[in-house]
Amino acid sequence: MVLNYLRIGEIATRCGVTIDTLRYYERIGLLARASRTSGGFRLFDHTAIERVLFIKEAQELGFSLHEIKELLTTGGVEECRHVRDLLKLKISELDIRLEALKKFRRTLSRQLSACEDELRLHGVEACCPVVVTTKKRAESK
């Protein structure tokens, strides 16, 4: 029967988290309570891997553990509406972050072009336009 279960260390290794993280997830209800061996070792079924990987992915996308717990809660229509609203909010936040990243990427591309132009035109006599512009801005404040 034990063959269908994984010890906490195996789950931690497969998911790239610490054993303490898994204990914490279990304590706050993100993971179901593990069954125990006669020696007291925690045993998780294979669905724990999927759940922990989902938690990690959600965290990387900016969800708090509290929000993730809400996402993982199963229930009726009101909970479903709440989860829907939470997902809409996160998508909106991600869209805002994506726009900011795109804007920053355009800035970096312009700076890269300015550096390449300066190096091409002036060679060893080049003066980095990014550093010069940054210093001028700092001095004018």
Protein backbone atom coordinates (compact mmCIF):
# COMPACT_ATOMS: atom_id res chain seq x y z
CA MET A 1 0.00 0.00 0.00
CA VAL A 2 2.89 2.37 0.77
CA LEU A 3 3.98 2.11 -2.89
CA ASN A 4 1.14 4.43 -3.95
CA TYR A 5 2.42 7.19 -1.69
CA LEU A 6 5.46 9.41 -1.61
CA ARG A 7 7.41 10.61 1.40
CA ILE A 8 7.66 14.32 2.03
CA GLY A 9 11.31 14.41 0.89
CA GLU A 10 10.40 12.87 -2.46
CA ILE A 11 7.67 15.45 -3.01
CA ALA A 12 10.04 18.26 -2.02
CA THR A 13 12.73 17.06 -4.44
CA ARG A 14 10.35 16.58 -7.34
CA CYS A 15 8.78 20.00 -6.83
CA GLY A 16 11.92 21.97 -6.00
CA VAL A 17 10.75 23.10 -2.57
CA THR A 18 11.93 22.43 0.94
CA ILE A 19 10.42 19.97 3.36
CA ASP A 20 9.61 22.91 5.64
CA THR A 21 7.64 24.50 2.79
CA LEU A 22 5.55 21.35 2.43
CA ARG A 23 4.95 21.19 6.17
CA TYR A 24 3.84 24.83 6.07
CA TYR A 25 1.50 24.20 3.13
CA GLU A 26 0.00 21.31 5.04
CA ARG A 27 -0.34 23.39 8.22
CA ILE A 28 -2.17 26.26 6.47
CA GLY A 29 -4.40 23.94 4.46
CA LEU A 30 -2.88 24.25 0.98
CA LEU A 31 -2.06 20.54 1.10
CA ALA A 32 -4.31 17.90 2.57
CA ARG A 33 -3.06 16.36 5.78
CA ALA A 34 -0.71 13.54 4.93
CA SER A 35 -1.24 10.07 6.22
CA ARG A 36 1.51 8.75 8.46
CA THR A 37 3.53 5.59 8.59
CA SER A 38 3.86 3.73 11.86
CA GLY A 39 7.19 5.53 12.19
CA GLY A 40 5.51 8.93 11.81
CA PHE A 41 6.68 9.70 8.26
CA ARG A 42 4.31 11.77 6.17
CA LEU A 43 2.98 10.03 3.07
CA PHE A 44 1.41 12.03 0.25
CA ASP A 45 -0.40 10.71 -2.79
CA HIS A 46 0.79 11.70 -6.27
CA THR A 47 -1.75 14.54 -6.56
CA ALA A 48 0.35 16.46 -4.03
CA ILE A 49 2.98 16.97 -6.74
CA GLU A 50 0.47 18.61 -9.08
CA ARG A 51 -0.86 20.76 -6.28
CA VAL A 52 2.57 21.98 -5.15
CA LEU A 53 3.59 22.74 -8.73
CA PHE A 54 0.35 24.70 -9.17
CA ILE A 55 1.08 26.64 -5.96
CA LYS A 56 4.59 27.49 -7.17
CA GLU A 57 3.34 28.60 -10.58
CA ALA A 58 0.61 30.73 -9.03
CA GLN A 59 3.17 32.36 -6.72
CA GLU A 60 5.42 33.14 -9.68
CA LEU A 61 2.46 34.88 -11.30
CA GLY A 62 1.98 37.07 -8.24
CA PHE A 63 -0.68 35.23 -6.27
CA SER A 64 -0.32 35.27 -2.49
CA LEU A 65 -0.69 32.03 -0.54
CA HIS A 66 -4.02 33.32 0.76
CA GLU A 67 -5.24 33.89 -2.80
CA ILE A 68 -3.95 30.47 -3.88
CA LYS A 69 -5.86 28.88 -1.03
CA GLU A 70 -9.00 30.61 -2.29
CA LEU A 71 -8.34 29.27 -5.79
CA LEU A 72 -7.94 25.75 -4.48
CA THR A 73 -11.13 25.88 -2.44
CA THR A 74 -13.90 23.86 -3.97
CA GLY A 75 -17.47 24.83 -3.47
CA GLY A 76 -20.63 26.33 -4.83
CA VAL A 77 -21.54 29.17 -7.08
CA GLU A 78 -20.51 31.98 -4.70
CA GLU A 79 -17.01 30.58 -4.30
CA CYS A 80 -16.82 30.08 -8.06
CA ARG A 81 -17.79 33.73 -8.64
CA HIS A 82 -15.21 34.83 -6.09
CA VAL A 83 -12.49 32.78 -7.81
CA ARG A 84 -13.58 34.18 -11.19
CA ASP A 85 -13.29 37.74 -9.86
CA LEU A 86 -9.89 36.98 -8.35
CA LEU A 87 -8.68 35.55 -11.67
CA LYS A 88 -9.95 38.61 -13.57
CA LEU A 89 -8.09 40.87 -11.15
CA LYS A 90 -4.84 38.92 -11.54
CA ILE A 91 -5.15 38.95 -15.32
CA SER A 92 -5.63 42.70 -15.20
CA GLU A 93 -2.57 43.09 -12.95
CA LEU A 94 -0.53 40.90 -15.30
CA ASP A 95 -1.62 42.99 -18.29
CA ILE A 96 -0.42 46.14 -16.52
CA ARG A 97 2.92 44.50 -15.69
CA LEU A 98 3.30 43.26 -19.27
CA GLU A 99 2.76 46.79 -20.60
CA ALA A 100 5.34 48.15 -18.17
CA LEU A 101 7.81 45.45 -19.26
CA LYS A 102 7.19 46.25 -22.93
CA LYS A 103 7.78 49.95 -22.27
CA PHE A 104 10.99 49.18 -20.38
CA ARG A 105 12.12 46.87 -23.18
CA ARG A 106 11.65 49.70 -25.70
CA THR A 107 13.75 51.97 -23.46
CA LEU A 108 16.50 49.37 -23.25
CA SER A 109 16.41 48.85 -27.02
CA ARG A 110 16.82 52.60 -27.59
CA GLN A 111 19.75 52.66 -25.17
CA LEU A 112 21.33 49.66 -26.88
CA SER A 113 21.01 51.38 -30.26
CA ALA A 114 22.54 54.56 -28.87
CA CYS A 115 25.49 52.56 -27.46
CA GLU A 116 26.00 50.71 -30.73
CA ASP A 117 25.86 53.99 -32.72
CA GLU A 118 28.34 55.65 -30.38
CA LEU A 119 30.77 52.74 -30.60
CA ARG A 120 30.43 52.54 -34.38
CA LEU A 121 30.94 56.30 -34.88
CA HIS A 122 33.64 56.96 -32.29
CA GLY A 123 35.37 53.63 -31.62
CA VAL A 124 37.89 53.87 -28.80
CA GLU A 125 36.93 57.53 -28.29
CA ALA A 126 33.31 56.56 -27.54
CA CYS A 127 31.52 58.04 -24.56
CA CYS A 128 28.62 55.87 -23.43
CA PRO A 129 25.43 57.84 -24.09
CA VAL A 130 23.48 55.90 -21.48
CA VAL A 131 25.92 56.74 -18.69
CA VAL A 132 26.24 60.36 -19.81
CA THR A 133 22.45 60.78 -19.99
CA THR A 134 22.00 59.18 -16.58
CA LYS A 135 24.68 61.41 -15.02
CA LYS A 136 23.11 64.54 -16.56
CA ARG A 137 19.69 63.58 -15.18
CA ALA A 138 21.15 62.97 -11.70
CA GLU A 139 23.03 66.27 -11.73
CA SER A 140 19.96 68.25 -12.81
CA LYS A 141 17.93 67.05 -9.80
